[in-house]
Amino acid sequence: MAAHAVRPLTPETYPAWLALAQKHNGVWGGCWCSYFHGDTGSTVKAEHDGPTFKLRLVEEGVAHAALVFDGDTAIAWCEYGSPLELPNIYHRKQYDAGESRPAPWRITCFFVDRDHRRSGVAREALDGALELIAQAGGGEVVSFPNELVPDKKTSSSFLHNGTRAMFEKAGFTFERHIGKRKTVMRRTVAPAG
């Protein structure tokens, strides 16, 4: 399979992102890829519907994602940003209690169009996010992928942050568990060029 194009989430690519989210009823039960975001100085989540909240964050430059495109159609994304942009993580107290060196970047969410799942597109989105982080100056990246239970099928809705195996293949190192199946994994990304 040939690699797809990866582009950053911007006001110009937002319509393609929105089309993908709308196709899946707002994604993850209507999250609109906003669960991990907090309010900003000018945008309060409770005052907007999901698509409008996300658009406002994109326009403010505080919502980042690598979008995977098949032609002009977005088929996946990987959300990333700073801890200030993405403060709401699962098992936050447990994560904070064991964190000795906070990373400037975190990866919090993936979504893949149902017509393109199990084809490596999530990995393309992860690689795209790491490239965009490199272009933004690089640095340490932390993420919280799930650890799969051997011989047990796991719904994709529980894999919103990918799998430990995918992150290991992308060069991340396992640090510790938080929660029942969540892991903390880290990688340093060199600045681009």
Protein backbone atom coordinates (compact mmCIF):
# COMPACT_ATOMS: atom_id res chain seq x y z
CA MET A 1 0.00 0.00 0.00
CA ALA A 2 1.34 3.43 -0.90
CA ALA A 3 1.59 5.97 1.88
CA HIS A 4 -1.06 8.64 1.98
CA ALA A 5 -0.41 12.39 2.25
CA VAL A 6 -0.17 13.80 5.77
CA ARG A 7 -1.07 17.42 6.44
CA PRO A 8 -1.40 19.43 9.63
CA LEU A 9 -4.79 20.44 11.02
CA THR A 10 -5.20 24.09 10.01
CA PRO A 11 -8.14 26.34 9.17
CA GLU A 12 -7.65 25.17 5.55
CA THR A 13 -7.75 21.44 6.38
CA TYR A 14 -10.43 21.78 9.08
CA PRO A 15 -13.31 21.12 6.60
CA ALA A 16 -11.78 17.73 5.70
CA TRP A 17 -11.32 16.96 9.42
CA LEU A 18 -14.94 17.97 10.06
CA ALA A 19 -16.23 15.75 7.25
CA LEU A 20 -14.47 12.74 8.79
CA ALA A 21 -15.80 13.55 12.26
CA GLN A 22 -19.34 14.06 10.93
CA LYS A 23 -19.21 10.76 9.04
CA HIS A 24 -18.69 9.09 12.42
CA ASN A 25 -21.29 11.07 14.39
CA GLY A 26 -18.76 13.27 16.13
CA VAL A 27 -16.36 10.40 16.94
CA TRP A 28 -16.19 8.45 20.22
CA GLY A 29 -19.77 9.28 21.18
CA GLY A 30 -19.70 12.93 20.12
CA CYS A 31 -16.30 13.96 21.44
CA TRP A 32 -15.36 15.90 18.28
CA CYS A 33 -11.73 15.31 19.29
CA SER A 34 -12.07 17.85 22.09
CA TYR A 35 -12.04 15.74 25.27
CA PHE A 36 -8.35 16.29 25.99
CA HIS A 37 -8.52 20.06 25.35
CA GLY A 38 -9.15 22.64 28.04
CA ASP A 39 -10.55 26.14 27.81
CA THR A 40 -8.39 28.94 26.46
CA GLY A 41 -8.38 32.62 27.35
CA SER A 42 -10.99 33.32 24.68
CA THR A 43 -12.75 29.97 24.13
CA VAL A 44 -14.74 28.11 26.79
CA LYS A 45 -15.75 24.56 25.86
CA ALA A 46 -19.15 24.75 27.56
CA GLU A 47 -20.14 27.75 25.42
CA HIS A 48 -19.79 25.97 22.05
CA ASP A 49 -20.88 22.83 20.31
CA GLY A 50 -18.08 20.34 19.56
CA PRO A 51 -17.30 21.38 15.96
CA THR A 52 -17.29 25.09 16.81
CA PHE A 53 -15.09 24.57 19.87
CA LYS A 54 -12.57 22.60 17.81
CA LEU A 55 -12.58 25.17 14.99
CA ARG A 56 -11.95 28.01 17.44
CA LEU A 57 -8.97 26.13 18.90
CA VAL A 58 -7.61 25.49 15.41
CA GLU A 59 -7.96 29.18 14.56
CA GLU A 60 -6.20 30.11 17.82
CA GLY A 61 -3.34 27.72 16.93
CA VAL A 62 -3.81 25.53 20.00
CA ALA A 63 -5.25 22.39 18.36
CA HIS A 64 -2.76 20.21 16.50
CA ALA A 65 -3.18 17.01 14.55
CA ALA A 66 -1.59 15.12 11.72
CA LEU A 67 -4.35 14.40 9.19
CA VAL A 68 -3.93 11.47 6.82
CA PHE A 69 -5.43 12.16 3.40
CA ASP A 70 -6.53 9.81 0.65
CA GLY A 71 -6.77 12.34 -2.18
CA ASP A 72 -8.81 15.24 -0.79
CA THR A 73 -10.48 13.13 1.90
CA ALA A 74 -9.18 12.95 5.47
CA ILE A 75 -9.21 9.33 6.61
CA ALA A 76 -7.41 9.55 9.97
CA TRP A 77 -5.78 11.82 12.48
CA CYS A 78 -3.35 11.80 15.36
CA GLU A 79 -3.86 14.60 17.90
CA TYR A 80 -0.80 16.07 19.60
CA GLY A 81 0.13 19.25 21.44
CA SER A 82 1.59 20.68 24.60
CA PRO A 83 0.35 19.68 28.06
CA LEU A 84 -1.21 23.17 28.31
CA GLU A 85 -3.18 22.52 25.12
CA LEU A 86 -4.12 18.95 26.12
CA PRO A 87 -4.41 18.89 29.93
CA ASN A 88 -7.21 16.31 30.22
CA ILE A 89 -5.66 12.86 30.11
CA TYR A 90 -6.99 9.64 31.58
CA HIS A 91 -5.47 8.71 34.96
CA ARG A 92 -4.08 12.24 35.32
CA LYS A 93 -3.44 12.01 39.09
CA GLN A 94 -1.53 8.75 38.68
CA TYR A 95 0.42 10.15 35.73
CA ASP A 96 1.33 13.37 37.55
CA ALA A 97 2.36 11.49 40.71
CA GLY A 98 4.96 9.49 38.79
CA GLU A 99 6.13 12.15 36.35
CA SER A 100 9.68 13.34 37.03
CA ARG A 101 10.39 15.08 33.71
CA PRO A 102 7.34 16.52 31.97
CA ALA A 103 7.62 16.43 28.19
CA PRO A 104 6.84 19.49 26.08
CA TRP A 105 4.68 17.35 23.75
CA ARG A 106 1.99 14.73 24.22
CA ILE A 107 0.00 12.56 21.86
CA THR A 108 -3.53 12.00 23.10
CA CYS A 109 -5.81 10.63 20.41
CA PHE A 110 -6.11 8.77 17.11
CA PHE A 111 -9.07 8.26 14.89
CA VAL A 112 -9.27 6.20 11.70
CA ASP A 113 -12.20 6.14 9.29
CA ARG A 114 -14.05 2.84 9.62
CA ASP A 115 -13.39 2.15 5.91
CA HIS A 116 -9.61 2.31 6.43
CA ARG A 117 -9.03 0.51 9.74
CA ARG A 118 -6.48 -2.26 10.18
CA SER A 119 -4.46 -1.03 7.20
CA GLY A 120 -1.61 0.87 8.89
CA VAL A 121 -3.22 4.30 8.65
CA ALA A 122 -2.93 4.96 12.41
CA ARG A 123 0.82 4.42 12.12
CA GLU A 124 0.93 6.88 9.21
CA ALA A 125 -0.84 9.41 11.44
CA LEU A 126 1.63 8.79 14.28
CA ASP A 127 4.62 9.19 11.95
CA GLY A 128 3.04 12.36 10.57
CA ALA A 129 2.57 13.80 14.05
CA LEU A 130 6.20 13.06 14.93
CA GLU A 131 7.33 14.80 11.71
CA LEU A 132 5.20 17.85 12.53
CA ILE A 133 6.67 17.90 16.05
CA ALA A 134 10.15 17.77 14.49
CA GLN A 135 9.24 20.70 12.25
CA ALA A 136 8.08 22.62 15.35
CA GLY A 137 11.47 22.16 17.03
CA GLY A 138 11.27 18.60 18.34
CA GLY A 139 11.71 17.52 21.92
CA GLU A 140 10.42 14.80 24.18
CA VAL A 141 7.02 13.33 23.36
CA VAL A 142 4.95 11.34 25.83
CA SER A 143 1.87 9.28 25.05
CA PHE A 144 -0.51 6.90 26.77
CA PRO A 145 -1.26 3.94 24.51
CA ASN A 146 -3.15 0.86 25.59
CA GLU A 147 -1.56 -2.47 26.32
CA LEU A 148 -3.56 -5.21 24.66
CA VAL A 149 -4.51 -8.40 26.45
CA PRO A 150 -3.21 -11.43 24.52
CA ASP A 151 -5.94 -13.45 22.79
CA LYS A 152 -8.64 -10.94 23.74
CA LYS A 153 -10.36 -8.81 21.10
CA THR A 154 -10.42 -5.13 22.00
CA SER A 155 -12.91 -2.64 20.59
CA SER A 156 -11.34 0.22 18.65
CA SER A 157 -13.21 2.64 20.92
CA PHE A 158 -10.85 1.58 23.72
CA LEU A 159 -7.83 2.22 21.51
CA HIS A 160 -8.28 5.97 21.06
CA ASN A 161 -4.59 6.39 21.90
CA GLY A 162 -3.26 3.46 19.89
CA THR A 163 -1.39 0.44 21.18
CA ARG A 164 1.86 -0.04 23.03
CA ALA A 165 3.13 -2.22 20.17
CA MET A 166 2.55 0.53 17.59
CA PHE A 167 4.42 3.05 19.73
CA GLU A 168 7.30 0.63 20.34
CA LYS A 169 7.63 0.15 16.57
CA ALA A 170 7.78 3.96 16.26
CA GLY A 171 10.74 4.12 18.67
CA PHE A 172 8.95 4.93 21.93
CA THR A 173 10.17 3.46 25.21
CA PHE A 174 7.83 2.04 27.83
CA GLU A 175 8.09 3.81 31.21
CA ARG A 176 5.23 2.60 33.40
CA HIS A 177 1.58 1.67 33.66
CA ILE A 178 -1.18 4.05 34.70
CA GLY A 179 -4.66 2.69 35.17
CA LYS A 180 -5.44 -0.89 34.24
CA ARG A 181 -4.20 -1.01 30.63
CA LYS A 182 -2.75 2.44 29.94
CA THR A 183 0.98 2.92 29.56
CA VAL A 184 3.29 5.91 29.62
CA MET A 185 5.70 5.85 26.70
CA ARG A 186 8.30 8.40 25.65
CA ARG A 187 10.51 9.30 22.71
CA THR A 188 12.77 12.21 21.90
CA VAL A 189 12.20 13.74 18.48
CA ALA A 190 15.11 15.61 16.89
CA PRO A 191 14.37 18.99 15.32
CA ALA A 192 13.84 18.88 11.57
CA GLY A 193 16.68 19.85 9.24
